[in-house]
N, C-alpha and C. Protein backbone atom coordinates (compact mmCIF):
# COMPACT_ATOMS: atom_id res chain seq x y z
N ALA A 1 0.86 -1.27 0.12
CA ALA A 1 -0.06 0.02 -0.03
C ALA A 1 0.89 1.30 0.08
N SER A 2 1.93 1.25 0.73
CA SER A 2 2.80 2.43 0.64
C SER A 2 3.42 2.60 -0.50
N ASP A 3 3.74 1.76 -1.45
CA ASP A 3 4.15 1.84 -2.66
C ASP A 3 3.27 2.58 -3.58
N PHE A 4 1.86 2.12 -3.63
CA PHE A 4 0.71 2.68 -4.14
C PHE A 4 0.61 4.13 -3.89
N LEU A 5 0.70 4.55 -2.52
CA LEU A 5 0.44 5.96 -2.04
C LEU A 5 1.69 6.71 -2.52
N ARG A 6 2.92 6.19 -2.60
CA ARG A 6 4.05 6.76 -2.85
C ARG A 6 3.96 7.16 -4.44
N ASP A 7 3.61 6.24 -5.33
CA ASP A 7 3.78 6.33 -6.70
C ASP A 7 2.68 6.54 -7.68
N ALA A 8 1.38 6.47 -7.11
CA ALA A 8 0.12 6.47 -8.05
C ALA A 8 -0.19 7.87 -8.35
N PRO A 9 -0.46 8.15 -9.49
CA PRO A 9 -0.86 9.62 -9.93
C PRO A 9 -2.19 9.90 -9.21
N ARG A 10 -2.17 11.48 -9.00
CA ARG A 10 -3.48 11.89 -8.33
C ARG A 10 -4.70 11.32 -9.09
N GLU A 11 -4.91 11.29 -10.34
CA GLU A 11 -6.23 10.83 -10.91
C GLU A 11 -6.36 9.33 -10.33
N GLU A 12 -5.39 8.54 -10.32
CA GLU A 12 -5.67 7.15 -9.89
C GLU A 12 -6.00 6.96 -8.44
N LEU A 13 -5.47 7.80 -7.70
CA LEU A 13 -5.78 7.86 -6.19
C LEU A 13 -7.24 8.33 -6.04
N LEU A 14 -7.49 9.36 -6.82
CA LEU A 14 -8.93 9.91 -6.88
C LEU A 14 -9.96 8.71 -7.26
N ARG A 15 -9.75 8.32 -8.23
CA ARG A 15 -10.60 7.20 -8.67
C ARG A 15 -10.76 6.07 -7.83
N VAL A 16 -9.68 5.48 -7.09
CA VAL A 16 -9.84 4.46 -6.16
C VAL A 16 -10.52 4.86 -5.02
N LEU A 17 -10.34 6.16 -4.52
CA LEU A 17 -10.96 6.60 -3.28
C LEU A 17 -12.54 6.78 -3.54
N ARG A 18 -12.66 7.36 -4.74
CA ARG A 18 -14.31 7.46 -5.01
C ARG A 18 -14.95 6.24 -5.39
N GLU A 19 -14.32 5.45 -6.17
CA GLU A 19 -15.01 4.15 -6.62
C GLU A 19 -15.14 3.08 -5.33
N TYR A 20 -14.15 3.06 -4.56
CA TYR A 20 -14.35 2.15 -3.48
C TYR A 20 -14.39 2.51 -2.02
N GLY A 21 -14.33 3.86 -1.86
CA GLY A 21 -14.45 4.58 -0.48
C GLY A 21 -15.86 4.85 -0.12
N ASP A 22 -15.86 5.90 0.75
CA ASP A 22 -17.07 6.35 1.41
C ASP A 22 -17.86 7.14 0.28
N PRO A 23 -19.14 6.56 -0.01
CA PRO A 23 -19.91 7.34 -1.04
C PRO A 23 -20.68 8.58 -0.36
N SER A 24 -20.75 8.77 1.03
CA SER A 24 -21.55 9.55 1.43
C SER A 24 -20.98 11.09 1.39
N ASP A 25 -19.73 11.09 1.14
CA ASP A 25 -18.92 12.38 1.04
C ASP A 25 -18.28 12.56 -0.29
N PRO A 26 -18.82 13.09 -1.37
CA PRO A 26 -18.00 13.05 -2.69
C PRO A 26 -16.79 13.89 -2.54
N HIS A 27 -16.63 14.74 -1.64
CA HIS A 27 -15.43 15.66 -1.79
C HIS A 27 -14.40 15.14 -0.97
N ALA A 28 -14.64 14.18 -0.06
CA ALA A 28 -13.48 13.48 0.82
C ALA A 28 -12.50 12.86 -0.05
N ALA A 29 -12.82 12.19 -1.07
CA ALA A 29 -11.82 11.50 -1.97
C ALA A 29 -10.74 12.50 -2.39
N ARG A 30 -11.37 13.69 -2.89
CA ARG A 30 -10.50 14.72 -3.46
C ARG A 30 -9.56 15.29 -2.52
N ARG A 31 -10.03 15.61 -1.17
CA ARG A 31 -9.24 16.00 -0.22
C ARG A 31 -8.08 15.25 0.23
N VAL A 32 -8.44 13.89 0.36
CA VAL A 32 -7.50 12.81 0.63
C VAL A 32 -6.45 12.72 -0.20
N ALA A 33 -6.73 12.47 -1.67
CA ALA A 33 -5.79 12.34 -2.71
C ALA A 33 -4.95 13.61 -2.79
N ASP A 34 -5.48 14.81 -2.65
CA ASP A 34 -4.70 16.09 -2.57
C ASP A 34 -3.66 16.13 -1.63
N ALA A 35 -4.23 15.70 -0.36
CA ALA A 35 -3.31 15.59 0.72
C ALA A 35 -2.07 14.61 0.62
N ILE A 36 -2.45 13.48 0.03
CA ILE A 36 -1.29 12.49 -0.21
C ILE A 36 -0.36 13.17 -1.29
N CYS A 37 -0.85 13.69 -2.38
CA CYS A 37 -0.02 14.50 -3.30
C CYS A 37 0.77 15.52 -2.72
N LEU A 38 0.21 16.27 -1.87
CA LEU A 38 0.97 17.37 -1.22
C LEU A 38 2.08 16.77 -0.28
N ALA A 39 1.81 15.89 0.38
CA ALA A 39 2.80 15.21 1.29
C ALA A 39 4.01 14.67 0.53
N ARG A 40 3.82 14.13 -0.78
CA ARG A 40 4.77 13.64 -1.69
C ARG A 40 5.64 14.69 -2.30
N LEU A 41 5.34 15.95 -2.15
CA LEU A 41 6.02 17.11 -2.86
C LEU A 41 7.31 17.29 -2.21
N PRO A 42 8.37 17.71 -2.95
CA PRO A 42 9.74 18.03 -2.27
C PRO A 42 9.50 18.85 -1.15
N GLY A 43 10.05 18.72 -0.07
CA GLY A 43 10.06 19.50 1.11
C GLY A 43 8.88 18.99 2.09
N GLY A 44 7.97 18.06 1.45
CA GLY A 44 6.93 17.66 2.14
C GLY A 44 7.41 16.45 3.07
N PRO A 45 6.59 15.97 3.84
CA PRO A 45 6.81 14.75 4.83
C PRO A 45 7.04 13.41 3.90
N GLY A 46 6.47 13.43 2.74
CA GLY A 46 6.73 12.19 2.07
C GLY A 46 5.44 11.28 2.18
N ALA A 47 5.07 10.56 1.21
CA ALA A 47 3.91 9.77 1.33
C ALA A 47 3.79 8.94 2.53
N PRO A 48 2.71 8.68 3.17
CA PRO A 48 2.59 7.90 4.44
C PRO A 48 3.28 6.56 4.34
N LYS A 49 4.11 6.18 5.28
CA LYS A 49 4.79 4.84 5.18
C LYS A 49 4.14 3.78 6.10
N THR A 50 3.49 4.34 7.20
CA THR A 50 2.84 3.36 8.07
C THR A 50 1.38 3.53 8.29
N THR A 51 0.60 2.64 8.88
CA THR A 51 -0.80 2.77 8.97
C THR A 51 -1.06 4.07 9.88
N LYS A 52 -0.43 4.19 10.89
CA LYS A 52 -0.73 5.45 11.76
C LYS A 52 -0.44 6.66 10.98
N GLU A 53 0.65 6.88 10.23
CA GLU A 53 0.92 8.02 9.40
C GLU A 53 -0.39 8.25 8.43
N PHE A 54 -0.83 7.28 7.69
CA PHE A 54 -1.96 7.29 6.71
C PHE A 54 -3.08 7.63 7.50
N SER A 55 -3.37 7.07 8.58
CA SER A 55 -4.63 7.21 9.40
C SER A 55 -4.77 8.67 9.88
N ASP A 56 -3.50 9.33 10.26
CA ASP A 56 -3.56 10.67 10.82
C ASP A 56 -3.81 11.58 9.69
N LEU A 57 -3.19 11.25 8.42
CA LEU A 57 -3.31 12.23 7.40
C LEU A 57 -4.81 12.25 6.84
N VAL A 58 -5.41 10.94 6.69
CA VAL A 58 -6.79 10.92 6.29
C VAL A 58 -7.79 11.66 7.30
N ALA A 59 -7.44 11.45 8.60
CA ALA A 59 -8.45 12.06 9.66
C ALA A 59 -8.19 13.56 9.52
N SER A 60 -7.00 14.17 9.37
CA SER A 60 -6.92 15.43 9.03
C SER A 60 -7.75 16.08 8.11
N CYS A 61 -7.83 15.30 6.96
CA CYS A 61 -8.68 15.80 5.78
C CYS A 61 -9.98 15.58 5.93
N ARG A 62 -10.47 14.66 6.69
CA ARG A 62 -11.99 14.30 6.84
C ARG A 62 -12.62 15.07 7.82
N GLY A 63 -11.96 15.46 8.86
CA GLY A 63 -12.57 16.30 9.87
C GLY A 63 -13.29 15.41 10.87
N TYR A 64 -14.04 16.15 11.64
CA TYR A 64 -14.70 15.56 12.86
C TYR A 64 -16.18 15.09 12.65
N GLU A 65 -16.64 15.40 11.45
CA GLU A 65 -18.03 14.97 11.16
C GLU A 65 -18.14 13.35 11.03
N TYR A 66 -17.13 12.70 10.98
CA TYR A 66 -17.12 11.31 10.98
C TYR A 66 -16.97 10.51 12.26
N GLN A 67 -17.73 10.97 13.26
CA GLN A 67 -17.39 10.30 14.57
C GLN A 67 -17.97 9.08 14.79
N ALA A 68 -18.85 8.69 13.68
CA ALA A 68 -19.53 7.39 14.10
C ALA A 68 -18.62 6.21 13.85
N MET A 69 -17.54 6.48 12.80
CA MET A 69 -16.57 5.45 12.58
C MET A 69 -15.37 6.38 12.37
N HIS A 70 -14.15 5.52 12.46
CA HIS A 70 -12.78 6.28 12.39
C HIS A 70 -12.99 6.94 11.00
N ALA A 71 -12.23 7.97 10.77
CA ALA A 71 -12.42 8.91 9.59
C ALA A 71 -11.54 8.19 8.47
N ALA A 72 -10.74 7.24 8.75
CA ALA A 72 -9.80 6.58 7.77
C ALA A 72 -10.56 5.23 7.27
N LYS A 73 -11.43 4.68 7.95
CA LYS A 73 -11.98 3.41 7.68
C LYS A 73 -12.36 3.02 6.31
N ALA A 74 -13.22 4.05 5.60
CA ALA A 74 -13.52 3.81 4.29
C ALA A 74 -12.35 4.09 3.30
N THR A 75 -11.28 4.71 3.73
CA THR A 75 -10.00 4.94 2.83
C THR A 75 -9.32 3.78 2.91
N PHE A 76 -9.12 3.12 4.01
CA PHE A 76 -8.41 1.83 4.11
C PHE A 76 -9.20 0.83 3.30
N GLN A 77 -10.50 0.88 3.40
CA GLN A 77 -11.27 -0.07 2.57
C GLN A 77 -10.95 0.02 1.15
N ALA A 78 -10.92 1.23 0.64
CA ALA A 78 -10.80 1.53 -0.78
C ALA A 78 -9.47 1.07 -1.28
N LEU A 79 -8.44 1.22 -0.43
CA LEU A 79 -7.10 0.90 -0.70
C LEU A 79 -7.05 -0.79 -0.92
N ARG A 80 -7.56 -1.32 0.25
CA ARG A 80 -7.60 -2.72 0.37
C ARG A 80 -8.28 -3.46 -0.98
N ILE A 81 -9.61 -2.91 -1.21
CA ILE A 81 -10.30 -3.43 -2.39
C ILE A 81 -9.54 -3.40 -3.70
N HIS A 82 -8.86 -2.15 -3.88
CA HIS A 82 -8.08 -1.99 -5.14
C HIS A 82 -6.76 -2.79 -5.20
N LEU A 83 -6.05 -2.77 -4.01
CA LEU A 83 -4.89 -3.58 -4.25
C LEU A 83 -4.94 -5.11 -4.31
N ASN A 84 -6.05 -5.55 -3.41
CA ASN A 84 -6.32 -7.01 -3.64
C ASN A 84 -7.19 -7.49 -4.76
N ASP A 85 -7.53 -6.39 -5.62
CA ASP A 85 -8.39 -6.74 -6.82
C ASP A 85 -9.70 -7.65 -6.38
N GLU A 86 -10.31 -7.08 -5.27
CA GLU A 86 -11.30 -7.90 -4.55
C GLU A 86 -12.54 -8.00 -5.52
N PHE A 87 -12.96 -7.12 -6.38
CA PHE A 87 -13.98 -7.23 -7.32
C PHE A 87 -13.51 -8.09 -8.42
N GLY A 88 -12.36 -8.09 -8.84
CA GLY A 88 -11.86 -9.06 -9.85
C GLY A 88 -11.81 -10.44 -9.44
N GLN A 89 -11.49 -10.65 -8.15
CA GLN A 89 -11.48 -12.12 -7.54
C GLN A 89 -12.90 -12.44 -7.34
N LEU A 90 -13.96 -11.50 -7.05
CA LEU A 90 -15.27 -11.98 -6.91
C LEU A 90 -15.78 -12.35 -8.39
N ARG A 91 -15.51 -11.62 -9.40
CA ARG A 91 -16.12 -11.92 -10.69
C ARG A 91 -15.54 -13.23 -11.21
N GLY A 92 -14.17 -13.42 -10.95
CA GLY A 92 -13.64 -14.73 -11.33
C GLY A 92 -14.29 -15.76 -10.48
N GLY A 93 -14.46 -15.68 -9.30
CA GLY A 93 -15.35 -16.89 -8.50
C GLY A 93 -16.60 -17.12 -9.00
N VAL A 94 -17.31 -16.00 -9.23
CA VAL A 94 -18.72 -16.10 -9.85
C VAL A 94 -18.69 -17.00 -11.06
N ALA A 95 -17.67 -16.44 -12.05
CA ALA A 95 -17.76 -17.21 -13.35
C ALA A 95 -17.45 -18.61 -13.14
N ALA A 96 -16.46 -19.00 -12.39
CA ALA A 96 -16.02 -20.29 -12.21
C ALA A 96 -17.18 -21.10 -11.44
N SER A 97 -17.98 -20.52 -10.70
CA SER A 97 -19.16 -21.15 -10.13
C SER A 97 -20.23 -21.52 -11.15
N LEU A 98 -20.34 -20.62 -12.12
CA LEU A 98 -21.35 -20.66 -13.09
C LEU A 98 -20.94 -21.87 -14.18
N ASP A 99 -19.64 -21.95 -14.30
CA ASP A 99 -19.07 -22.97 -15.23
C ASP A 99 -19.46 -24.27 -14.51
N MET A 100 -19.26 -24.31 -13.26
CA MET A 100 -19.32 -25.63 -12.63
C MET A 100 -20.92 -26.11 -12.53
N LEU A 101 -21.90 -25.21 -12.76
CA LEU A 101 -23.06 -25.50 -12.71
C LEU A 101 -23.57 -25.91 -14.12
N LYS A 102 -22.85 -25.74 -15.24
CA LYS A 102 -23.28 -26.05 -16.46
C LYS A 102 -23.13 -27.56 -16.69
């Protein structure tokens, strides 16, 4: 995940966070993607390397309106879904199941 956060273009970060993250705040993905990109700029702290660094960065972008759950929960979910290709795995499993039923 740290490689992805370090290397992914802003557009890819934004797509992943919008597509797989929290749908209740359409602006949160942009704020988080922008914060990651700003952190990567020369003179910045660099892309987050630990879970704690990433969690703190996301929480600082999302604010306190997300008290019902940790502010970074949906963002971690988005990264996990993308990096593990969970929907691709699901599609493959469903296709294999359908083939077995034929």
